[in-house]
Amino acid sequence: MQTRSKNVIVIVDGWSSGRYLAPAFIGHGYECIHISSTEKTSRFGYKPVDYIANFHLESTAMSEILENLRGYSVKAIMPGSESGVVLADLLADNFAVPRNDARTTQARRNKFHMIAALKKAGVSSMRQFASRSLCELLAWYGESELDTVILKPTMGAKSDGVALCSNAKDIEAAFVATHGKPNVTGVINTEFVIQERLQGQELMVNSVSCEGHHFVTDMWIGVGGLVDTISTDEYAQLVMRRTEIFERVEKYVLETLDALGICNGAAHSEVMLTVNGPRLIECGARLTGAQLFAAVEEAQGYSQLSVMVETVLNSGQFQRRVNALRGSRQKGLRFVYMCSNREGYVVNNPDLSRFGELATLDRMIVFPKIGDYLTKTNGSLGRPGYAFLLSSDNQTLDMDYVRFRELEAKMFQHVLEA
């Protein structure tokens, strides 16, 4: 059977959480086209069969891709993951589709330029400096009078290449370890940004924008974590609407989205609530990563994914829709970052059957399989899986969380035992 749709959805780098976009649009009767900006990334979850056409920038000229797309009636163009943000903006600039201004793309992708955009717009932000030169980075650090700082590639993603540095030797070691090497998005690390270390409560904020109007779909606060690390390694708790912390951080994030030129599409913002108020850590102009959207749907009746899809298909109803969603009831939801304190080659597949005793377990995913090398967890890149615990009873969530960690430790012990 062959079909031909009038309106198609173009997805750039539809892997990671972006793998859910095409099936969601297909469920509404739309067909999708995929464009790969790079082959130098994991492409986790990418399924070519979800698309009626697949184009690869590394083997096809940009002009040829545009020519092919003009053969369709393009309804929307969006990034599926961080690596697709720049190309999605460039492509969208050639079509009459909702988009963000391609002239300000760097403010939405480059870790230095996004904080600089906040400062220019008068939005509270952290101190920072960027350079391709280690000497210049060290000189700025020496003059900054800062103690501990964060060093990271300006075009990186997740915690890849991000280092917590307490002195010049730390900065030099982190720079040498990652300079000239490809990061998880396939970009070679050449420029680095050094930023003051923000301290306080870390929050993750997911949103969808439509023609300059914004809606925060869900907000999470990091709980626990290891001392002197750059990433929370225990869990994140869904923040309830109409609470003081939600409204305070929401107001700041809306100002941030405006400053970064995010007028349309999804965004994932990481914010530190410091003693001086909220400060942006970084923002990605795409869906949140590493999330099982169905769990969020169960907790509140909608997710960033569903709001994003509905907005693309019927933008005229955006304001009415989000006004209704703000009044939805929410259940408690705990996003558990799985952690392994062991390492070695996996000789047994994970046995998830014991987790069935947890009444609050909504869903979970464990990545390691036989033949894989399980590493000790260290930051967001090393997490071997995720789980969601769902309940309106916080005491039950707490008890199941403790039991979950016990079962998790036994499971990872088992996968390594011959």
Protein backbone atom coordinates (compact mmCIF):
# COMPACT_ATOMS: atom_id res chain seq x y z
CA MET A 1 0.00 0.00 0.00
CA GLN A 2 1.28 3.48 -0.87
CA THR A 3 0.10 6.78 0.58
CA ARG A 4 0.79 10.44 -0.01
CA SER A 5 -0.01 13.03 2.64
CA LYS A 6 -0.52 16.72 1.98
CA ASN A 7 1.10 17.80 5.25
CA VAL A 8 4.23 16.12 6.59
CA ILE A 9 6.24 16.58 9.78
CA VAL A 10 10.03 16.91 9.46
CA ILE A 11 12.08 15.69 12.43
CA VAL A 12 15.81 16.33 12.70
CA ASP A 13 17.79 13.73 14.66
CA GLY A 14 14.80 11.78 15.92
CA TRP A 15 16.62 9.79 18.56
CA SER A 16 16.75 9.88 22.37
CA SER A 17 13.37 11.24 23.53
CA GLY A 18 12.83 12.48 19.97
CA ARG A 19 12.10 8.88 19.02
CA TYR A 20 8.60 9.37 20.43
CA LEU A 21 7.70 12.22 18.06
CA ALA A 22 7.12 10.31 14.83
CA PRO A 23 4.90 7.61 16.39
CA ALA A 24 2.85 10.35 18.10
CA PHE A 25 2.26 12.21 14.83
CA ILE A 26 1.62 8.95 12.97
CA GLY A 27 -1.06 8.18 15.56
CA HIS A 28 -2.82 11.35 14.41
CA GLY A 29 -2.63 10.26 10.78
CA TYR A 30 0.40 12.32 9.73
CA GLU A 31 3.51 11.10 7.93
CA CYS A 32 7.02 12.09 8.94
CA ILE A 33 10.35 12.71 7.21
CA HIS A 34 13.64 12.25 9.04
CA ILE A 35 16.86 14.20 8.54
CA SER A 36 20.12 13.23 10.24
CA SER A 37 22.50 16.09 10.97
CA THR A 38 25.30 13.73 11.97
CA GLU A 39 26.24 10.07 12.05
CA LYS A 40 28.59 10.62 15.02
CA THR A 41 26.12 10.02 17.82
CA SER A 42 24.35 7.09 19.46
CA ARG A 43 21.06 7.41 17.52
CA PHE A 44 19.36 5.64 20.44
CA GLY A 45 15.78 4.64 19.62
CA TYR A 46 15.86 5.86 16.00
CA LYS A 47 13.62 3.73 13.73
CA PRO A 48 13.86 4.43 9.97
CA VAL A 49 10.54 2.63 9.42
CA ASP A 50 8.75 5.47 11.22
CA TYR A 51 9.48 7.77 8.29
CA ILE A 52 8.42 7.93 4.64
CA ALA A 53 11.82 9.39 3.74
CA ASN A 54 15.23 9.61 5.43
CA PHE A 55 17.93 12.12 4.45
CA HIS A 56 21.48 12.37 5.80
CA LEU A 57 23.29 15.71 5.81
CA GLU A 58 26.69 14.02 5.84
CA SER A 59 25.97 12.31 2.50
CA THR A 60 23.49 14.77 0.97
CA ALA A 61 24.04 18.47 0.24
CA MET A 62 21.86 20.95 2.11
CA SER A 63 20.52 22.27 -1.20
CA GLU A 64 19.46 18.77 -2.23
CA ILE A 65 17.68 18.19 1.09
CA LEU A 66 15.78 21.46 0.67
CA GLU A 67 14.85 20.54 -2.90
CA ASN A 68 13.49 17.20 -1.73
CA LEU A 69 11.50 18.79 1.10
CA ARG A 70 9.93 21.30 -1.29
CA GLY A 71 8.30 18.34 -2.98
CA TYR A 72 6.09 18.01 0.09
CA SER A 73 3.73 20.31 1.94
CA VAL A 74 5.73 20.73 5.15
CA LYS A 75 3.58 21.42 8.22
CA ALA A 76 6.35 21.57 10.84
CA ILE A 77 10.12 21.14 11.29
CA MET A 78 11.53 20.32 14.72
CA PRO A 79 14.62 18.87 16.42
CA GLY A 80 14.28 15.46 18.01
CA SER A 81 17.37 15.90 20.15
CA GLU A 82 20.06 18.44 21.05
CA SER A 83 22.20 17.65 18.00
CA GLY A 84 19.32 18.63 15.70
CA VAL A 85 18.63 22.13 17.05
CA VAL A 86 20.86 24.07 14.65
CA LEU A 87 19.84 22.22 11.48
CA ALA A 88 16.14 22.34 12.38
CA ASP A 89 16.35 26.14 12.67
CA LEU A 90 18.17 26.42 9.33
CA LEU A 91 15.67 24.20 7.53
CA ALA A 92 12.61 25.87 9.05
CA ASP A 93 13.89 29.26 7.88
CA ASN A 94 13.17 28.11 4.31
CA PHE A 95 9.51 27.21 4.87
CA ALA A 96 6.32 28.88 6.05
CA VAL A 97 6.21 26.97 9.32
CA PRO A 98 6.23 28.03 12.99
CA ARG A 99 9.89 28.48 13.91
CA ASN A 100 12.51 30.23 15.96
CA ASP A 101 14.69 32.90 14.37
CA ALA A 102 17.70 31.18 12.78
CA ARG A 103 19.76 34.33 13.36
CA THR A 104 19.70 33.65 17.11
CA THR A 105 20.20 29.88 17.00
CA GLN A 106 23.51 30.07 18.87
CA ALA A 107 21.70 31.45 21.92
CA ARG A 108 19.73 28.20 22.01
CA ARG A 109 22.63 25.83 21.37
CA ASN A 110 25.92 27.35 22.51
CA LYS A 111 26.29 27.15 26.31
CA PHE A 112 28.12 30.48 26.49
CA HIS A 113 25.85 32.44 24.15
CA MET A 114 22.68 31.36 25.93
CA ILE A 115 23.86 32.86 29.23
CA ALA A 116 25.11 35.95 27.37
CA ALA A 117 21.63 36.33 25.82
CA LEU A 118 20.11 36.38 29.31
CA LYS A 119 22.51 39.06 30.46
CA LYS A 120 21.73 41.16 27.38
CA ALA A 121 18.01 40.87 28.09
CA GLY A 122 18.43 41.83 31.74
CA VAL A 123 17.57 38.36 33.06
CA SER A 124 19.55 37.24 36.12
CA SER A 125 22.44 34.99 35.12
CA MET A 126 25.77 33.57 36.25
CA ARG A 127 29.33 34.81 35.64
CA GLN A 128 31.15 33.12 32.77
CA PHE A 129 33.91 33.29 30.16
CA ALA A 130 34.49 31.30 26.95
CA SER A 131 37.59 30.66 24.88
CA ARG A 132 39.37 28.12 22.70
CA SER A 133 42.57 28.89 24.60
CA LEU A 134 43.47 27.14 27.84
CA CYS A 135 45.72 30.05 28.76
CA GLU A 136 42.84 32.52 28.42
CA LEU A 137 40.54 30.30 30.47
CA LEU A 138 43.13 30.02 33.24
CA ALA A 139 43.78 33.76 33.16
CA TRP A 140 40.07 34.54 33.57
CA TYR A 141 39.79 32.03 36.41
CA GLY A 142 42.75 33.61 38.18
CA GLU A 143 41.18 37.07 37.97
CA SER A 144 37.64 35.95 38.79
CA GLU A 145 38.30 35.27 42.48
CA LEU A 146 35.95 32.31 42.15
CA ASP A 147 36.77 29.15 44.07
CA THR A 148 34.98 26.25 42.40
CA VAL A 149 33.85 26.56 38.77
CA ILE A 150 32.29 24.47 36.03
CA LEU A 151 34.14 23.84 32.77
CA LYS A 152 32.27 22.43 29.78
CA PRO A 153 32.32 22.40 25.97
CA THR A 154 30.15 25.20 24.59
CA MET A 155 28.53 22.80 22.08
CA GLY A 156 28.20 19.80 24.37
CA ALA A 157 25.16 18.09 25.85
CA LYS A 158 24.15 16.23 29.01
CA SER A 159 27.10 15.95 31.41
CA ASP A 160 29.53 14.93 28.66
CA GLY A 161 32.79 16.79 29.19
CA VAL A 162 31.41 18.79 32.11
CA ALA A 163 33.88 19.09 34.98
CA LEU A 164 33.78 20.52 38.48
CA CYS A 165 37.08 22.33 39.03
CA SER A 166 38.50 23.69 42.26
CA ASN A 167 41.85 24.97 40.99
CA ALA A 168 43.88 25.69 37.87
CA LYS A 169 45.19 22.12 37.69
CA ASP A 170 41.64 20.77 37.58
CA ILE A 171 40.77 23.13 34.74
CA GLU A 172 43.85 22.16 32.75
CA ALA A 173 43.19 18.43 33.25
CA ALA A 174 39.54 18.74 32.20
CA PHE A 175 40.46 20.81 29.14
CA VAL A 176 43.15 18.38 27.99
CA ALA A 177 40.88 15.35 28.56
CA THR A 178 38.15 16.58 26.18
CA HIS A 179 39.71 19.14 23.83
CA GLY A 180 39.72 18.01 20.21
CA LYS A 181 37.48 15.02 20.91
CA PRO A 182 33.91 14.51 19.65
CA ASN A 183 31.15 14.93 22.22
CA VAL A 184 27.83 13.04 22.42
CA THR A 185 26.28 15.28 19.74
CA GLY A 186 29.07 14.50 17.27
CA VAL A 187 30.67 17.98 17.52
CA ILE A 188 34.43 18.26 18.09
CA ASN A 189 35.17 20.08 21.35
CA THR A 190 37.18 23.19 20.50
CA GLU A 191 35.64 25.96 22.61
CA PHE A 192 34.99 25.80 26.35
CA VAL A 193 33.04 27.91 28.77
CA ILE A 194 34.05 28.39 32.38
CA GLN A 195 31.18 29.34 34.69
CA GLU A 196 30.69 30.06 38.35
CA ARG A 197 29.37 27.10 40.28
CA LEU A 198 25.76 27.70 41.24
CA GLN A 199 24.57 26.26 44.53
CA GLY A 200 21.04 25.72 45.76
CA GLN A 201 18.09 23.60 44.66
CA GLU A 202 18.35 22.26 41.10
CA LEU A 203 15.17 22.14 39.02
CA MET A 204 14.38 20.77 35.58
CA VAL A 205 11.64 22.63 33.72
CA ASN A 206 9.94 21.38 30.55
CA SER A 207 7.89 23.69 28.37
CA VAL A 208 6.14 24.14 25.03
CA SER A 209 5.92 27.46 23.20
CA CYS A 210 3.58 28.68 20.49
CA GLU A 211 4.06 32.01 18.72
CA GLY A 212 5.81 33.51 21.73
CA HIS A 213 3.39 32.16 24.33
CA HIS A 214 4.81 29.61 26.78
CA PHE A 215 3.46 26.81 28.95
CA VAL A 216 5.44 24.92 31.56
CA THR A 217 4.25 21.33 31.18
CA ASP A 218 6.15 19.85 34.11
CA MET A 219 8.76 20.86 36.67
CA TRP A 220 11.09 18.63 38.69
CA ILE A 221 13.30 19.24 41.70
CA GLY A 222 16.45 17.22 42.21
CA VAL A 223 16.65 15.38 45.52
CA GLY A 224 19.80 13.98 47.12
CA GLY A 225 22.84 13.39 45.00
CA LEU A 226 26.53 12.90 45.57
CA VAL A 227 28.70 15.54 47.20
CA ASP A 228 30.86 17.59 44.82
CA THR A 229 29.34 16.24 41.62
CA ILE A 230 27.81 18.05 38.67
CA SER A 231 24.68 15.94 38.44
CA THR A 232 21.96 14.74 40.79
CA ASP A 233 22.18 10.96 41.04
CA GLU A 234 19.23 9.97 43.23
CA TYR A 235 15.87 11.15 41.92
CA ALA A 236 13.75 14.09 40.82
CA GLN A 237 10.33 14.86 42.30
CA LEU A 238 7.47 16.35 40.28
CA VAL A 239 6.77 19.87 41.59
CA MET A 240 3.10 20.60 42.12
CA ARG A 241 1.50 23.58 40.41
CA ARG A 242 0.32 26.52 42.50
CA THR A 243 3.17 26.04 44.97
CA GLU A 244 5.49 28.93 45.76
CA ILE A 245 8.54 27.26 44.24
CA PHE A 246 6.68 26.35 41.02
CA GLU A 247 5.39 29.87 40.45
CA ARG A 248 8.72 31.50 41.29
CA VAL A 249 10.76 29.31 38.94
CA GLU A 250 8.07 29.36 36.24
CA LYS A 251 8.20 33.16 36.09
CA TYR A 252 11.97 33.06 35.67
CA VAL A 253 11.85 30.37 32.97
CA LEU A 254 9.29 32.33 30.93
CA GLU A 255 11.68 35.29 30.95
CA THR A 256 14.50 32.96 29.95
CA LEU A 257 12.57 31.52 26.99
CA ASP A 258 11.90 35.04 25.71
CA ALA A 259 15.56 36.02 26.09
CA LEU A 260 16.70 32.93 24.14
CA GLY A 261 14.27 33.55 21.31
CA ILE A 262 12.27 30.37 21.91
CA CYS A 263 8.96 31.31 20.30
CA ASN A 264 7.88 27.86 19.12
CA GLY A 265 8.50 24.28 20.14
CA ALA A 266 9.69 22.36 23.15
CA ALA A 267 12.39 23.38 25.62
CA HIS A 268 14.15 21.78 28.58
CA SER A 269 15.62 24.23 31.09
CA GLU A 270 17.88 23.43 34.01
CA VAL A 271 17.67 26.03 36.75
CA MET A 272 19.40 26.48 40.10
CA LEU A 273 17.33 28.20 42.76
CA THR A 274 20.07 30.05 44.64
CA VAL A 275 19.85 32.33 47.67
CA ASN A 276 19.81 35.20 45.16
CA GLY A 277 16.99 33.73 43.11
CA PRO A 278 16.73 31.43 40.07
CA ARG A 279 19.69 31.17 37.69
CA LEU A 280 19.79 29.29 34.39
CA ILE A 281 22.32 26.47 34.15
CA GLU A 282 21.46 25.74 30.52
CA CYS A 283 18.52 25.28 28.19
CA GLY A 284 17.88 22.92 25.27
CA ALA A 285 15.39 23.94 22.57
CA ARG A 286 13.98 20.40 22.28
CA LEU A 287 12.11 17.76 24.24
CA THR A 288 13.48 16.74 27.60
CA GLY A 289 15.78 13.74 27.40
CA ALA A 290 15.61 10.40 29.22
CA GLN A 291 11.95 10.61 30.13
CA LEU A 292 9.14 8.09 29.77
CA PHE A 293 6.33 10.48 28.89
CA ALA A 294 3.59 7.94 29.68
CA ALA A 295 4.45 8.18 33.38
CA VAL A 296 3.93 11.94 33.31
CA GLU A 297 0.62 11.42 31.50
CA GLU A 298 -0.46 9.11 34.32
CA ALA A 299 0.51 11.70 36.94
CA GLN A 300 -1.22 14.74 35.47
CA GLY A 301 -3.09 13.81 32.28
CA TYR A 302 -0.63 15.40 29.85
CA SER A 303 3.08 15.63 29.14
CA GLN A 304 5.50 17.79 27.21
CA LEU A 305 5.23 15.33 24.32
CA SER A 306 1.43 15.38 24.07
CA VAL A 307 1.23 19.17 24.43
CA MET A 308 3.95 19.58 21.79
CA VAL A 309 2.14 17.36 19.28
CA GLU A 310 -1.25 18.97 19.89
CA THR A 311 0.29 22.44 19.54
CA VAL A 312 1.88 21.59 16.18
CA LEU A 313 -1.37 20.15 14.86
CA ASN A 314 -3.69 22.86 16.20
CA SER A 315 -1.77 25.95 17.24
CA GLY A 316 -4.91 28.09 17.28
CA GLN A 317 -6.16 26.23 20.36
CA PHE A 318 -2.91 26.58 22.33
CA GLN A 319 -4.03 29.22 24.81
CA ARG A 320 -7.42 27.63 25.48
CA ARG A 321 -5.79 24.23 25.88
CA VAL A 322 -3.06 25.28 28.33
CA ASN A 323 -5.50 27.33 30.41
CA ALA A 324 -7.51 24.15 30.94
CA LEU A 325 -4.41 22.06 31.71
CA ARG A 326 -3.29 24.43 34.46
CA GLY A 327 -6.24 23.27 36.51
CA SER A 328 -5.55 19.55 36.13
CA ARG A 329 -5.02 17.45 39.24
CA GLN A 330 -1.59 15.95 39.82
CA LYS A 331 -0.32 12.87 41.60
CA GLY A 332 3.08 12.53 43.20
CA LEU A 333 5.68 11.26 40.72
CA ARG A 334 9.28 10.34 41.46
CA PHE A 335 11.73 10.07 38.56
CA VAL A 336 14.39 7.66 39.85
CA TYR A 337 17.85 7.74 38.33
CA MET A 338 19.16 4.20 38.55
CA CYS A 339 22.65 3.78 39.91
CA SER A 340 25.24 1.00 39.88
CA ASN A 341 28.13 0.90 42.33
CA ARG A 342 29.58 -2.09 40.48
CA GLU A 343 31.20 -2.48 37.11
CA GLY A 344 32.06 -5.29 34.75
CA TYR A 345 30.72 -7.21 31.75
CA VAL A 346 27.05 -8.18 31.93
CA VAL A 347 26.66 -11.97 31.89
CA ASN A 348 22.95 -12.13 32.83
CA ASN A 349 20.12 -10.00 31.55
CA PRO A 350 18.46 -7.83 34.24
CA ASP A 351 15.61 -9.57 36.06
CA LEU A 352 12.84 -7.03 36.64
CA SER A 353 10.31 -9.47 38.08
CA ARG A 354 11.06 -8.63 41.72
CA PHE A 355 10.19 -4.97 41.14
CA GLY A 356 6.58 -6.04 40.64
CA GLU A 357 6.13 -6.00 44.43
CA LEU A 358 6.29 -2.20 44.39
CA ALA A 359 2.74 -0.87 44.19
CA THR A 360 3.94 2.59 43.13
CA LEU A 361 6.17 1.43 40.25
CA ASP A 362 4.57 2.87 37.11
CA ARG A 363 7.29 1.92 34.64
CA MET A 364 11.03 1.42 34.35
CA ILE A 365 13.69 0.85 31.75
CA VAL A 366 17.10 -0.80 32.25
CA PHE A 367 19.68 -0.50 29.48
CA PRO A 368 22.49 -3.04 30.10
CA LYS A 369 22.16 -6.44 28.41
CA ILE A 370 24.38 -9.48 28.08
CA GLY A 371 27.73 -8.52 26.57
CA ASP A 372 27.55 -4.84 27.59
CA TYR A 373 30.05 -3.32 29.99
CA LEU A 374 28.29 -1.92 33.06
CA THR A 375 30.16 1.07 34.44
CA LYS A 376 29.91 2.61 37.87
CA THR A 377 27.40 5.44 37.73
CA ASN A 378 28.97 8.88 37.49
CA GLY A 379 26.74 11.62 36.15
CA SER A 380 23.84 11.51 33.68
CA LEU A 381 25.84 9.73 30.95
CA GLY A 382 26.42 6.68 33.12
CA ARG A 383 22.90 6.00 34.33
CA PRO A 384 21.98 2.37 33.60
CA GLY A 385 18.25 2.97 33.68
CA TYR A 386 15.28 4.98 34.95
CA ALA A 387 12.11 4.30 36.88
CA PHE A 388 8.97 6.21 37.82
CA LEU A 389 7.17 5.77 41.13
CA LEU A 390 3.61 7.13 41.14
CA SER A 391 1.33 7.74 44.13
CA SER A 392 -0.67 10.49 45.83
CA ASP A 393 0.69 9.19 49.15
CA ASN A 394 4.18 10.56 49.85
CA GLN A 395 4.79 8.07 52.66
CA THR A 396 4.15 5.16 50.29
CA LEU A 397 6.50 6.74 47.74
CA ASP A 398 9.22 7.00 50.38
CA MET A 399 8.86 3.37 51.46
CA ASP A 400 8.82 2.02 47.90
CA TYR A 401 11.81 4.17 47.00
CA VAL A 402 13.90 2.58 49.78
CA ARG A 403 12.83 -0.89 48.66
CA PHE A 404 13.52 -0.01 45.02
CA ARG A 405 17.14 0.79 45.85
CA GLU A 406 17.52 -2.54 47.65
CA LEU A 407 16.16 -4.46 44.66
CA GLU A 408 18.26 -2.39 42.28
CA ALA A 409 21.51 -3.26 44.11
CA LYS A 410 20.68 -6.98 44.02
CA MET A 411 19.78 -6.80 40.32
CA PHE A 412 23.08 -5.22 39.29
CA GLN A 413 24.95 -7.69 41.45
CA HIS A 414 23.16 -10.53 39.66
CA VAL A 415 23.83 -9.27 36.12
CA LEU A 416 27.59 -9.42 36.76
CA GLU A 417 27.71 -12.80 38.47
CA ALA A 418 28.69 -15.78 36.31
